[in-house]
C-alpha atoms as a PDB file:
ATOM      1  CA  UNK A   1       0.000   0.000   0.000  1.00  0.00           C
ATOM      2  CA  UNK A   2       1.328   3.404  -0.951  1.00  0.00           C
ATOM      3  CA  UNK A   3       2.419   5.715   1.862  1.00  0.00           C
ATOM      4  CA  UNK A   4       0.865   9.163   1.506  1.00  0.00           C
ATOM      5  CA  UNK A   5       2.483  12.311   2.761  1.00  0.00           C
ATOM      6  CA  UNK A   6       0.527  14.964   4.567  1.00  0.00           C
ATOM      7  CA  UNK A   7       1.065  18.299   2.852  1.00  0.00           C
ATOM      8  CA  UNK A   8       2.655  20.918   5.174  1.00  0.00           C
ATOM      9  CA  UNK A   9       0.382  23.672   6.351  1.00  0.00           C
ATOM     10  CA  UNK A  10       0.791  27.020   8.058  1.00  0.00           C
ATOM     11  CA  UNK A  11      -2.134  26.350  10.355  1.00  0.00           C
ATOM     12  CA  UNK A  12      -0.975  26.075  13.935  1.00  0.00           C
ATOM     13  CA  UNK A  13      -1.602  23.003  16.038  1.00  0.00           C
ATOM     14  CA  UNK A  14      -3.861  24.966  18.343  1.00  0.00           C
ATOM     15  CA  UNK A  15      -6.146  25.926  15.479  1.00  0.00           C
ATOM     16  CA  UNK A  16      -6.082  22.366  14.208  1.00  0.00           C
ATOM     17  CA  UNK A  17      -7.117  21.116  17.602  1.00  0.00           C
ATOM     18  CA  UNK A  18     -10.089  23.441  17.712  1.00  0.00           C
ATOM     19  CA  UNK A  19     -11.325  23.171  14.187  1.00  0.00           C
ATOM     20  CA  UNK A  20     -10.659  19.565  13.347  1.00  0.00           C
ATOM     21  CA  UNK A  21     -13.172  17.948  15.648  1.00  0.00           C
ATOM     22  CA  UNK A  22     -15.487  20.852  16.494  1.00  0.00           C
ATOM     23  CA  UNK A  23     -16.858  21.868  13.128  1.00  0.00           C
ATOM     24  CA  UNK A  24     -20.412  21.466  14.401  1.00  0.00           C
ATOM     25  CA  UNK A  25     -22.393  20.659  11.238  1.00  0.00           C
ATOM     26  CA  UNK A  26     -20.573  23.412   9.347  1.00  0.00           C
ATOM     27  CA  UNK A  27     -22.298  26.308   7.610  1.00  0.00           C
ATOM     28  CA  UNK A  28     -24.455  24.077   5.449  1.00  0.00           C
ATOM     29  CA  UNK A  29     -25.901  22.003   8.271  1.00  0.00           C
ATOM     30  CA  UNK A  30     -26.486  24.767  10.797  1.00  0.00           C
ATOM     31  CA  UNK A  31     -28.078  27.164   8.327  1.00  0.00           C
ATOM     32  CA  UNK A  32     -30.461  24.507   7.077  1.00  0.00           C
ATOM     33  CA  UNK A  33     -31.448  23.420  10.569  1.00  0.00           C
ATOM     34  CA  UNK A  34     -32.236  26.929  11.831  1.00  0.00           C
ATOM     35  CA  UNK A  35     -34.004  27.970   8.633  1.00  0.00           C
ATOM     36  CA  UNK A  36     -36.132  24.834   8.500  1.00  0.00           C
ATOM     37  CA  UNK A  37     -36.937  25.200  12.208  1.00  0.00           C
ATOM     38  CA  UNK A  38     -38.583  28.547  11.443  1.00  0.00           C
ATOM     39  CA  UNK A  39     -40.739  26.804   8.842  1.00  0.00           C
ATOM     40  CA  UNK A  40     -41.606  24.080  11.368  1.00  0.00           C
ATOM     41  CA  UNK A  41     -42.886  26.493  14.028  1.00  0.00           C
ATOM     42  CA  UNK A  42     -46.561  26.600  14.997  1.00  0.00           C
ATOM     43  CA  UNK A  43     -48.384  29.558  13.463  1.00  0.00           C
ATOM     44  CA  UNK A  44     -48.534  31.998  16.390  1.00  0.00           C
ATOM     45  CA  UNK A  45     -44.758  32.139  16.629  1.00  0.00           C
ATOM     46  CA  UNK A  46     -43.849  31.453  13.024  1.00  0.00           C
ATOM     47  CA  UNK A  47     -44.913  34.878  11.728  1.00  0.00           C
ATOM     48  CA  UNK A  48     -42.463  36.727  13.978  1.00  0.00           C
ATOM     49  CA  UNK A  49     -39.581  34.360  13.288  1.00  0.00           C
ATOM     50  CA  UNK A  50     -40.213  34.410   9.553  1.00  0.00           C
ATOM     51  CA  UNK A  51     -39.835  38.192   9.560  1.00  0.00           C
ATOM     52  CA  UNK A  52     -36.265  37.542  10.682  1.00  0.00           C
ATOM     53  CA  UNK A  53     -35.534  34.217   9.005  1.00  0.00           C
ATOM     54  CA  UNK A  54     -32.373  35.484   7.323  1.00  0.00           C
ATOM     55  CA  UNK A  55     -30.910  36.603  10.647  1.00  0.00           C
ATOM     56  CA  UNK A  56     -31.881  33.313  12.295  1.00  0.00           C
ATOM     57  CA  UNK A  57     -30.242  31.463   9.407  1.00  0.00           C
ATOM     58  CA  UNK A  58     -26.977  33.409   9.306  1.00  0.00           C
ATOM     59  CA  UNK A  59     -26.646  33.695  13.073  1.00  0.00           C
ATOM     60  CA  UNK A  60     -26.728  29.885  13.307  1.00  0.00           C
ATOM     61  CA  UNK A  61     -22.952  29.689  12.810  1.00  0.00           C
ATOM     62  CA  UNK A  62     -21.944  32.497  15.183  1.00  0.00           C
ATOM     63  CA  UNK A  63     -21.100  30.161  18.102  1.00  0.00           C
ATOM     64  CA  UNK A  64     -18.499  28.526  15.869  1.00  0.00           C
ATOM     65  CA  UNK A  65     -17.152  31.951  14.904  1.00  0.00           C
ATOM     66  CA  UNK A  66     -16.832  32.908  18.570  1.00  0.00           C
ATOM     67  CA  UNK A  67     -14.820  29.761  19.138  1.00  0.00           C
ATOM     68  CA  UNK A  68     -12.720  29.536  15.984  1.00  0.00           C
ATOM     69  CA  UNK A  69     -12.292  33.172  14.918  1.00  0.00           C
ATOM     70  CA  UNK A  70     -12.556  35.181  18.142  1.00  0.00           C
ATOM     71  CA  UNK A  71     -10.887  32.405  20.145  1.00  0.00           C
ATOM     72  CA  UNK A  72     -13.417  32.733  22.959  1.00  0.00           C
ATOM     73  CA  UNK A  73     -12.084  30.364  25.638  1.00  0.00           C
ATOM     74  CA  UNK A  74     -15.537  29.975  27.196  1.00  0.00           C
ATOM     75  CA  UNK A  75     -17.114  28.703  23.988  1.00  0.00           C
ATOM     76  CA  UNK A  76     -15.674  25.237  23.197  1.00  0.00           C
ATOM     77  CA  UNK A  77     -17.227  23.171  26.058  1.00  0.00           C
ATOM     78  CA  UNK A  78     -20.694  24.468  25.154  1.00  0.00           C
ATOM     79  CA  UNK A  79     -20.595  22.331  22.002  1.00  0.00           C
ATOM     80  CA  UNK A  80     -20.007  18.829  23.370  1.00  0.00           C
ATOM     81  CA  UNK A  81     -20.578  16.351  26.169  1.00  0.00           C
ATOM     82  CA  UNK A  82     -18.128  13.446  26.492  1.00  0.00           C
ATOM     83  CA  UNK A  83     -20.632  11.153  28.121  1.00  0.00           C
ATOM     84  CA  UNK A  84     -18.272   8.266  28.823  1.00  0.00           C
ATOM     85  CA  UNK A  85     -16.244  10.420  31.228  1.00  0.00           C
ATOM     86  CA  UNK A  86     -19.117  11.439  33.504  1.00  0.00           C
ATOM     87  CA  UNK A  87     -19.740   8.076  35.143  1.00  0.00           C
ATOM     88  CA  UNK A  88     -23.087   6.374  35.609  1.00  0.00           C
ATOM     89  CA  UNK A  89     -26.064   8.068  33.983  1.00  0.00           C
ATOM     90  CA  UNK A  90     -28.000   8.225  37.230  1.00  0.00           C
ATOM     91  CA  UNK A  91     -25.210  10.338  38.750  1.00  0.00           C
ATOM     92  CA  UNK A  92     -25.252  13.044  36.065  1.00  0.00           C
ATOM     93  CA  UNK A  93     -25.819  16.504  37.578  1.00  0.00           C
ATOM     94  CA  UNK A  94     -29.255  17.892  36.749  1.00  0.00           C
ATOM     95  CA  UNK A  95     -28.211  21.525  36.332  1.00  0.00           C
ATOM     96  CA  UNK A  96     -25.186  23.643  35.477  1.00  0.00           C
ATOM     97  CA  UNK A  97     -24.916  24.667  39.112  1.00  0.00           C
ATOM     98  CA  UNK A  98     -24.780  21.028  40.221  1.00  0.00           C
ATOM     99  CA  UNK A  99     -22.218  20.231  37.527  1.00  0.00           C
ATOM    100  CA  UNK A 100     -19.937  23.031  38.719  1.00  0.00           C
ATOM    101  CA  UNK A 101     -20.221  21.815  42.305  1.00  0.00           C
ATOM    102  CA  UNK A 102     -19.360  18.233  41.343  1.00  0.00           C
ATOM    103  CA  UNK A 103     -16.620  18.876  38.778  1.00  0.00           C
ATOM    104  CA  UNK A 104     -13.834  21.437  38.556  1.00  0.00           C
ATOM    105  CA  UNK A 105     -13.505  23.883  35.669  1.00  0.00           C
ATOM    106  CA  UNK A 106     -10.688  21.923  34.026  1.00  0.00           C
ATOM    107  CA  UNK A 107     -12.799  18.757  33.871  1.00  0.00           C
ATOM    108  CA  UNK A 108     -15.843  20.547  32.451  1.00  0.00           C
ATOM    109  CA  UNK A 109     -13.754  22.412  29.882  1.00  0.00           C
ATOM    110  CA  UNK A 110     -12.265  19.128  28.695  1.00  0.00           C
ATOM    111  CA  UNK A 111     -15.468  17.068  28.729  1.00  0.00           C
ATOM    112  CA  UNK A 112     -18.138  19.632  27.918  1.00  0.00           C
ATOM    113  CA  UNK A 113     -21.312  21.204  29.282  1.00  0.00           C
ATOM    114  CA  UNK A 114     -23.640  20.966  26.252  1.00  0.00           C
ATOM    115  CA  UNK A 115     -26.864  19.670  27.911  1.00  0.00           C
ATOM    116  CA  UNK A 116     -26.642  22.101  30.814  1.00  0.00           C
ATOM    117  CA  UNK A 117     -25.888  24.995  28.504  1.00  0.00           C
ATOM    118  CA  UNK A 118     -28.989  24.215  26.452  1.00  0.00           C
ATOM    119  CA  UNK A 119     -31.007  24.307  29.661  1.00  0.00           C
ATOM    120  CA  UNK A 120     -29.511  27.663  30.642  1.00  0.00           C
ATOM    121  CA  UNK A 121     -30.165  29.107  27.190  1.00  0.00           C
ATOM    122  CA  UNK A 122     -33.793  28.058  27.471  1.00  0.00           C
ATOM    123  CA  UNK A 123     -34.128  30.020  30.709  1.00  0.00           C
ATOM    124  CA  UNK A 124     -32.657  33.090  29.005  1.00  0.00           C
ATOM    125  CA  UNK A 125     -34.850  32.722  25.928  1.00  0.00           C
ATOM    126  CA  UNK A 126     -37.982  32.362  28.050  1.00  0.00           C
ATOM    127  CA  UNK A 127     -37.118  35.569  29.906  1.00  0.00           C
ATOM    128  CA  UNK A 128     -36.419  37.391  26.639  1.00  0.00           C
ATOM    129  CA  UNK A 129     -39.854  36.354  25.352  1.00  0.00           C
ATOM    130  CA  UNK A 130     -41.512  37.407  28.593  1.00  0.00           C
ATOM    131  CA  UNK A 131     -39.826  40.809  28.495  1.00  0.00           C
ATOM    132  CA  UNK A 132     -40.547  41.105  24.751  1.00  0.00           C
ATOM    133  CA  UNK A 133     -36.963  42.092  24.021  1.00  0.00           C
ATOM    134  CA  UNK A 134     -36.761  41.566  20.282  1.00  0.00           C
ATOM    135  CA  UNK A 135     -33.003  41.518  19.761  1.00  0.00           C
ATOM    136  CA  UNK A 136     -32.433  39.186  22.678  1.00  0.00           C
ATOM    137  CA  UNK A 137     -35.127  36.793  21.455  1.00  0.00           C
ATOM    138  CA  UNK A 138     -33.597  36.517  18.011  1.00  0.00           C
ATOM    139  CA  UNK A 139     -29.984  36.319  19.176  1.00  0.00           C
ATOM    140  CA  UNK A 140     -30.592  33.705  21.881  1.00  0.00           C
ATOM    141  CA  UNK A 141     -32.969  31.645  19.732  1.00  0.00           C
ATOM    142  CA  UNK A 142     -30.473  31.456  16.877  1.00  0.00           C
ATOM    143  CA  UNK A 143     -27.654  30.472  19.235  1.00  0.00           C
ATOM    144  CA  UNK A 144     -29.852  27.889  20.949  1.00  0.00           C
ATOM    145  CA  UNK A 145     -30.571  26.331  17.570  1.00  0.00           C
ATOM    146  CA  UNK A 146     -26.841  25.853  17.071  1.00  0.00           C
ATOM    147  CA  UNK A 147     -26.357  23.980  20.338  1.00  0.00           C
ATOM    148  CA  UNK A 148     -29.444  21.821  19.808  1.00  0.00           C
ATOM    149  CA  UNK A 149     -28.040  20.913  16.392  1.00  0.00           C
ATOM    150  CA  UNK A 150     -24.716  19.982  17.993  1.00  0.00           C
ATOM    151  CA  UNK A 151     -26.580  17.754  20.442  1.00  0.00           C
ATOM    152  CA  UNK A 152     -27.813  15.739  17.445  1.00  0.00           C
ATOM    153  CA  UNK A 153     -24.294  15.015  16.161  1.00  0.00           C
ATOM    154  CA  UNK A 154     -23.236  11.650  17.680  1.00  0.00           C
ATOM    155  CA  UNK A 155     -19.545  12.472  18.062  1.00  0.00           C
ATOM    156  CA  UNK A 156     -20.413  15.604  20.063  1.00  0.00           C
ATOM    157  CA  UNK A 157     -21.551  13.207  22.799  1.00  0.00           C
ATOM    158  CA  UNK A 158     -18.433  11.030  22.901  1.00  0.00           C
ATOM    159  CA  UNK A 159     -14.879  11.214  24.163  1.00  0.00           C
ATOM    160  CA  UNK A 160     -13.899   9.578  20.861  1.00  0.00           C
ATOM    161  CA  UNK A 161     -15.013  12.774  19.129  1.00  0.00           C
ATOM    162  CA  UNK A 162     -12.780  12.452  16.067  1.00  0.00           C
ATOM    163  CA  UNK A 163     -12.182   8.710  16.040  1.00  0.00           C
ATOM    164  CA  UNK A 164      -8.780   9.360  17.610  1.00  0.00           C
ATOM    165  CA  UNK A 165      -9.204   6.399  19.979  1.00  0.00           C
ATOM    166  CA  UNK A 166     -10.029   3.947  17.195  1.00  0.00           C
ATOM    167  CA  UNK A 167      -7.661   5.037  14.402  1.00  0.00           C
ATOM    168  CA  UNK A 168     -10.439   6.876  12.551  1.00  0.00           C
ATOM    169  CA  UNK A 169      -9.084  10.428  12.590  1.00  0.00           C
ATOM    170  CA  UNK A 170     -11.111  12.795  10.476  1.00  0.00           C
ATOM    171  CA  UNK A 171     -14.452  11.035  10.883  1.00  0.00           C
ATOM    172  CA  UNK A 172     -15.932  14.026  12.733  1.00  0.00           C
ATOM    173  CA  UNK A 173     -15.658  16.597   9.977  1.00  0.00           C
ATOM    174  CA  UNK A 174     -16.382  13.941   7.347  1.00  0.00           C
ATOM    175  CA  UNK A 175     -19.717  13.082   8.969  1.00  0.00           C
ATOM    176  CA  UNK A 176     -21.022  16.502   9.903  1.00  0.00           C
ATOM    177  CA  UNK A 177     -19.472  18.791   7.270  1.00  0.00           C
ATOM    178  CA  UNK A 178     -18.322  16.851   4.225  1.00  0.00           C
ATOM    179  CA  UNK A 179     -21.416  14.657   3.926  1.00  0.00           C
ATOM    180  CA  UNK A 180     -23.875  17.570   4.266  1.00  0.00           C
ATOM    181  CA  UNK A 181     -21.779  19.554   1.780  1.00  0.00           C
ATOM    182  CA  UNK A 182     -22.187  16.781  -0.767  1.00  0.00           C
ATOM    183  CA  UNK A 183     -25.684  15.525  -0.051  1.00  0.00           C
ATOM    184  CA  UNK A 184     -27.761  18.000   2.010  1.00  0.00           C
ATOM    185  CA  UNK A 185     -29.159  19.589  -1.150  1.00  0.00           C
ATOM    186  CA  UNK A 186     -30.993  16.298  -1.754  1.00  0.00           C
ATOM    187  CA  UNK A 187     -32.374  15.905   1.778  1.00  0.00           C
ATOM    188  CA  UNK A 188     -36.098  16.247   2.401  1.00  0.00           C
ATOM    189  CA  UNK A 189     -36.284  19.014   4.989  1.00  0.00           C
ATOM    190  CA  UNK A 190     -40.033  18.764   5.606  1.00  0.00           C
ATOM    191  CA  UNK A 191     -40.377  17.621   9.204  1.00  0.00           C
ATOM    192  CA  UNK A 192     -42.966  17.306  11.930  1.00  0.00           C
ATOM    193  CA  UNK A 193     -44.078  20.629  13.381  1.00  0.00           C
ATOM    194  CA  UNK A 194     -42.525  21.741  16.638  1.00  0.00           C
ATOM    195  CA  UNK A 195     -44.543  21.012  19.758  1.00  0.00           C
ATOM    196  CA  UNK A 196     -44.729  22.053  23.393  1.00  0.00           C
ATOM    197  CA  UNK A 197     -42.296  20.198  25.647  1.00  0.00           C
ATOM    198  CA  UNK A 198     -43.728  19.441  29.074  1.00  0.00           C
ATOM    199  CA  UNK A 199     -40.298  18.854  30.591  1.00  0.00           C
ATOM    200  CA  UNK A 200     -37.403  20.735  28.981  1.00  0.00           C
ATOM    201  CA  UNK A 201     -34.728  19.053  31.087  1.00  0.00           C
ATOM    202  CA  UNK A 202     -35.995  15.579  30.180  1.00  0.00           C
ATOM    203  CA  UNK A 203     -36.270  16.554  26.515  1.00  0.00           C
ATOM    204  CA  UNK A 204     -32.662  17.764  26.568  1.00  0.00           C
ATOM    205  CA  UNK A 205     -31.304  14.555  28.053  1.00  0.00           C
ATOM    206  CA  UNK A 206     -33.485  12.421  25.774  1.00  0.00           C
ATOM    207  CA  UNK A 207     -31.741  14.083  22.818  1.00  0.00           C
ATOM    208  CA  UNK A 208     -28.296  13.469  24.309  1.00  0.00           C
ATOM    209  CA  UNK A 209     -28.995   9.797  25.053  1.00  0.00           C
ATOM    210  CA  UNK A 210     -30.615   9.152  21.676  1.00  0.00           C
ATOM    211  CA  UNK A 211     -27.724  10.805  19.846  1.00  0.00           C
ATOM    212  CA  UNK A 212     -25.101   8.957  21.880  1.00  0.00           C
ATOM    213  CA  UNK A 213     -26.693   5.626  20.925  1.00  0.00           C
ATOM    214  CA  UNK A 214     -25.518   6.290  17.357  1.00  0.00           C
ATOM    215  CA  UNK A 215     -21.822   6.631  18.228  1.00  0.00           C
ATOM    216  CA  UNK A 216     -21.061   2.911  18.064  1.00  0.00           C
ATOM    217  CA  UNK A 217     -22.914   2.167  14.793  1.00  0.00           C
ATOM    218  CA  UNK A 218     -21.417   5.293  13.173  1.00  0.00           C
ATOM    219  CA  UNK A 219     -17.851   4.312  14.038  1.00  0.00           C
ATOM    220  CA  UNK A 220     -18.442   0.652  13.197  1.00  0.00           C
ATOM    221  CA  UNK A 221     -19.780   1.541   9.762  1.00  0.00           C
ATOM    222  CA  UNK A 222     -16.806   3.776   9.020  1.00  0.00           C
ATOM    223  CA  UNK A 223     -14.310   1.230  10.358  1.00  0.00           C
ATOM    224  CA  UNK A 224     -15.704  -1.509   8.125  1.00  0.00           C
ATOM    225  CA  UNK A 225     -15.503   0.739   5.076  1.00  0.00           C
ATOM    226  CA  UNK A 226     -11.957   1.898   5.901  1.00  0.00           C
ATOM    227  CA  UNK A 227     -10.734  -1.677   6.078  1.00  0.00           C
ATOM    228  CA  UNK A 228     -12.254  -2.420   2.674  1.00  0.00           C
ATOM    229  CA  UNK A 229     -10.962   0.755   0.974  1.00  0.00           C
ATOM    230  CA  UNK A 230      -7.478   1.414  -0.375  1.00  0.00           C
ATOM    231  CA  UNK A 231      -5.895   4.674   0.767  1.00  0.00           C
ATOM    232  CA  UNK A 232      -5.662   5.798  -2.843  1.00  0.00           C
ATOM    233  CA  UNK A 233      -9.463   5.687  -2.972  1.00  0.00           C
ATOM    234  CA  UNK A 234     -10.068   7.114   0.481  1.00  0.00           C
ATOM    235  CA  UNK A 235      -8.395  10.536   0.293  1.00  0.00           C
ATOM    236  CA  UNK A 236      -8.070  13.420  -2.125  1.00  0.00           C
ATOM    237  CA  UNK A 237      -4.463  13.698  -3.284  1.00  0.00           C
ATOM    238  CA  UNK A 238      -2.544  16.252  -5.309  1.00  0.00           C
ATOM    239  CA  UNK A 239      -0.352  15.626  -8.360  1.00  0.00           C
ATOM    240  CA  UNK A 240       2.549  14.578  -6.128  1.00  0.00           C
ATOM    241  CA  UNK A 241       0.485  12.047  -4.210  1.00  0.00           C
ATOM    242  CA  UNK A 242       0.178  14.162  -1.072  1.00  0.00           C
ATOM    243  CA  UNK A 243      -3.070  13.984   0.865  1.00  0.00           C
ATOM    244  CA  UNK A 244      -4.937  17.281   0.474  1.00  0.00           C
ATOM    245  CA  UNK A 245      -6.315  19.023   3.543  1.00  0.00           C
ATOM    246  CA  UNK A 246      -9.426  21.146   3.918  1.00  0.00           C
ATOM    247  CA  UNK A 247      -9.217  24.751   5.089  1.00  0.00           C
ATOM    248  CA  UNK A 248      -9.345  23.650   8.735  1.00  0.00           C
ATOM    249  CA  UNK A 249      -6.293  21.421   8.301  1.00  0.00           C
ATOM    250  CA  UNK A 250      -8.291  18.200   8.357  1.00  0.00           C
ATOM    251  CA  UNK A 251      -7.841  15.323   5.943  1.00  0.00           C
ATOM    252  CA  UNK A 252      -9.991  15.692   2.839  1.00  0.00           C
ATOM    253  CA  UNK A 253     -11.793  12.461   2.013  1.00  0.00           C
ATOM    254  CA  UNK A 254     -12.622  11.608  -1.581  1.00  0.00           C
ATOM    255  CA  UNK A 255     -16.127  12.030  -2.947  1.00  0.00           C
ATOM    256  CA  UNK A 256     -16.115   8.291  -3.644  1.00  0.00           C
ATOM    257  CA  UNK A 257     -15.389   7.358  -0.036  1.00  0.00           C
ATOM    258  CA  UNK A 258     -17.820   9.964   1.305  1.00  0.00           C
ATOM    259  CA  UNK A 259     -20.517   8.647  -1.017  1.00  0.00           C
ATOM    260  CA  UNK A 260     -20.018   5.053   0.106  1.00  0.00           C
ATOM    261  CA  UNK A 261     -20.054   6.047   3.775  1.00  0.00           C
ATOM    262  CA  UNK A 262     -23.188   8.129   3.273  1.00  0.00           C
ATOM    263  CA  UNK A 263     -24.902   5.120   1.674  1.00  0.00           C
ATOM    264  CA  UNK A 264     -23.722   2.693   4.359  1.00  0.00           C
ATOM    265  CA  UNK A 265     -24.953   5.009   7.131  1.00  0.00           C
ATOM    266  CA  UNK A 266     -28.422   4.499   5.667  1.00  0.00           C
ATOM    267  CA  UNK A 267     -29.757   8.023   6.093  1.00  0.00           C
ATOM    268  CA  UNK A 268     -28.248   8.732   9.523  1.00  0.00           C
ATOM    269  CA  UNK A 269     -27.047  12.249   8.700  1.00  0.00           C
ATOM    270  CA  UNK A 270     -30.356  13.309   7.164  1.00  0.00           C
ATOM    271  CA  UNK A 271     -32.325  11.751  10.025  1.00  0.00           C
ATOM    272  CA  UNK A 272     -30.275  13.563  12.660  1.00  0.00           C
ATOM    273  CA  UNK A 273     -30.614  16.840  10.804  1.00  0.00           C
ATOM    274  CA  UNK A 274     -34.386  16.426  10.665  1.00  0.00           C
ATOM    275  CA  UNK A 275     -34.565  15.552  14.362  1.00  0.00           C
ATOM    276  CA  UNK A 276     -32.573  18.710  15.098  1.00  0.00           C
ATOM    277  CA  UNK A 277     -35.014  20.827  13.087  1.00  0.00           C
ATOM    278  CA  UNK A 278     -38.082  19.617  14.965  1.00  0.00           C
ATOM    279  CA  UNK A 279     -36.287  19.841  18.309  1.00  0.00           C
ATOM    280  CA  UNK A 280     -35.152  23.413  17.651  1.00  0.00           C
ATOM    281  CA  UNK A 281     -38.670  24.497  16.706  1.00  0.00           C
ATOM    282  CA  UNK A 282     -40.030  22.734  19.799  1.00  0.00           C
ATOM    283  CA  UNK A 283     -37.582  24.408  22.169  1.00  0.00           C
ATOM    284  CA  UNK A 284     -38.292  27.858  20.696  1.00  0.00           C
ATOM    285  CA  UNK A 285     -42.045  27.278  20.909  1.00  0.00           C
ATOM    286  CA  UNK A 286     -41.822  25.936  24.467  1.00  0.00           C
ATOM    287  CA  UNK A 287     -39.897  29.000  25.649  1.00  0.00           C
ATOM    288  CA  UNK A 288     -42.579  31.246  24.127  1.00  0.00           C
ATOM    289  CA  UNK A 289     -45.419  29.287  25.753  1.00  0.00           C
ATOM    290  CA  UNK A 290     -43.656  29.231  29.124  1.00  0.00           C
ATOM    291  CA  UNK A 291     -43.243  33.002  28.844  1.00  0.00           C
ATOM    292  CA  UNK A 292     -47.048  33.338  28.698  1.00  0.00           C
ATOM    293  CA  UNK A 293     -47.438  33.424  24.891  1.00  0.00           C
ATOM    294  CA  UNK A 294     -46.644  37.134  24.583  1.00  0.00           C
ATOM    295  CA  UNK A 295     -47.940  39.005  21.552  1.00  0.00           C
ATOM    296  CA  UNK A 296     -44.881  39.671  19.402  1.00  0.00           C
ATOM    297  CA  UNK A 297     -46.719  41.365  16.548  1.00  0.00           C
ATOM    298  CA  UNK A 298     -45.928  44.815  17.951  1.00  0.00           C
ATOM    299  CA  UNK A 299     -42.177  44.162  17.730  1.00  0.00           C
ATOM    300  CA  UNK A 300     -42.221  44.489  13.931  1.00  0.00           C
ATOM    301  CA  UNK A 301     -43.731  47.094  11.620  1.00  0.00           C
ATOM    302  CA  UNK A 302     -47.104  46.039  10.230  1.00  0.00           C
ATOM    303  CA  UNK A 303     -45.817  46.755   6.740  1.00  0.00           C
ATOM    304  CA  UNK A 304     -42.994  44.233   7.196  1.00  0.00           C
ATOM    305  CA  UNK A 305     -45.309  41.479   8.407  1.00  0.00           C
ATOM    306  CA  UNK A 306     -47.828  42.176   5.670  1.00  0.00           C
ATOM    307  CA  UNK A 307     -45.161  42.118   2.959  1.00  0.00           C
ATOM    308  CA  UNK A 308     -43.714  38.875   4.281  1.00  0.00           C
ATOM    309  CA  UNK A 309     -47.076  37.095   4.601  1.00  0.00           C
ATOM    310  CA  UNK A 310     -47.222  36.302   0.883  1.00  0.00           C
ATOM    311  CA  UNK A 311     -43.648  35.028   0.840  1.00  0.00           C
ATOM    312  CA  UNK A 312     -44.334  32.899   3.907  1.00  0.00           C
ATOM    313  CA  UNK A 313     -47.216  31.161   2.152  1.00  0.00           C
ATOM    314  CA  UNK A 314     -45.017  30.461  -0.865  1.00  0.00           C
ATOM    315  CA  UNK A 315     -42.127  29.224   1.249  1.00  0.00           C
ATOM    316  CA  UNK A 316     -44.431  26.947   3.260  1.00  0.00           C
ATOM    317  CA  UNK A 317     -45.564  25.292   0.046  1.00  0.00           C
ATOM    318  CA  UNK A 318     -41.928  24.826  -0.925  1.00  0.00           C
ATOM    319  CA  UNK A 319     -41.164  23.464   2.546  1.00  0.00           C
ATOM    320  CA  UNK A 320     -44.015  20.962   2.287  1.00  0.00           C
ATOM    321  CA  UNK A 321     -42.171  19.526  -0.702  1.00  0.00           C
ATOM    322  CA  UNK A 322     -39.040  19.155   1.411  1.00  0.00           C
ATOM    323  CA  UNK A 323     -37.126  22.117   0.022  1.00  0.00           C
ATOM    324  CA  UNK A 324     -35.832  25.311   1.616  1.00  0.00           C
ATOM    325  CA  UNK A 325     -35.847  28.630  -0.228  1.00  0.00           C
ATOM    326  CA  UNK A 326     -32.901  31.024  -0.195  1.00  0.00           C
ATOM    327  CA  UNK A 327     -29.916  28.798   0.573  1.00  0.00           C
ATOM    328  CA  UNK A 328     -26.745  28.136  -1.367  1.00  0.00           C
ATOM    329  CA  UNK A 329     -24.686  24.997  -0.968  1.00  0.00           C
ATOM    330  CA  UNK A 330     -21.643  26.787   0.428  1.00  0.00           C
ATOM    331  CA  UNK A 331     -18.572  24.600   0.685  1.00  0.00           C
ATOM    332  CA  UNK A 332     -16.817  24.246   4.007  1.00  0.00           C
END
């Protein structure tokens, strides 16, 4: 088997460490999830969110920008939860406060706080709705959508977040960025409408546990395919035979390998994306209901809502067919 050389890069190891296994669905995945979540909202809340659908869509990637571009040290652990390192499930802290009492900052930074951060964001979003603070509602809701999406990515719930423990380096970005880049345009984004969640904490942990159950089958599927695939077919190489890297410094897998993995995963990426859409809409809607269902119509000019009403009807018809209007398939 031919030995491939990794092409030198100017990217520092610190940046590689951040970006390689924390890509978080990438632009393509996050924008689709937030945008579709607006379309999946129940009517009373949908009108307000649709008035700001472009902001909700674009803001979906800001948590990654805070982490990767602004180098916000507080941001990384909000995106993951290495479940294996927290002991027995029945001993998991119920709240952020309990987690901080049980574990020191170093442990939580290393292993993540994703479920507790989602809970805290829900408290903040509910208050923003109750106070009818428009900018806060939109900003927090868009951010919350990002973290809920991350909670639906299996490797965000595992210590083996990039296959580094099983000789599968690069699987993280391949699954959540490369596969959506290649195939998300063909996904059916029409999902079940968001609904009221009686118990937000339970709903949060249900997502984490359900997502974590996919870690083993995901890695097993990739491992089987790796064994059966020659390196020359697995990676993109340049004219000199060097393995090409993506802009984050991660190994760039070939379209052929990505296509086979996508097929062997039997719809896993699309299914998780669709679950994330419904969950995001449900969390937004629940925060609004828990805030007392405030009337948000006064937060926007009547002219804006009236102008958008026709477009909303058109976009809902498009959404019913499984398609989202106004997105480009931006490469990672």
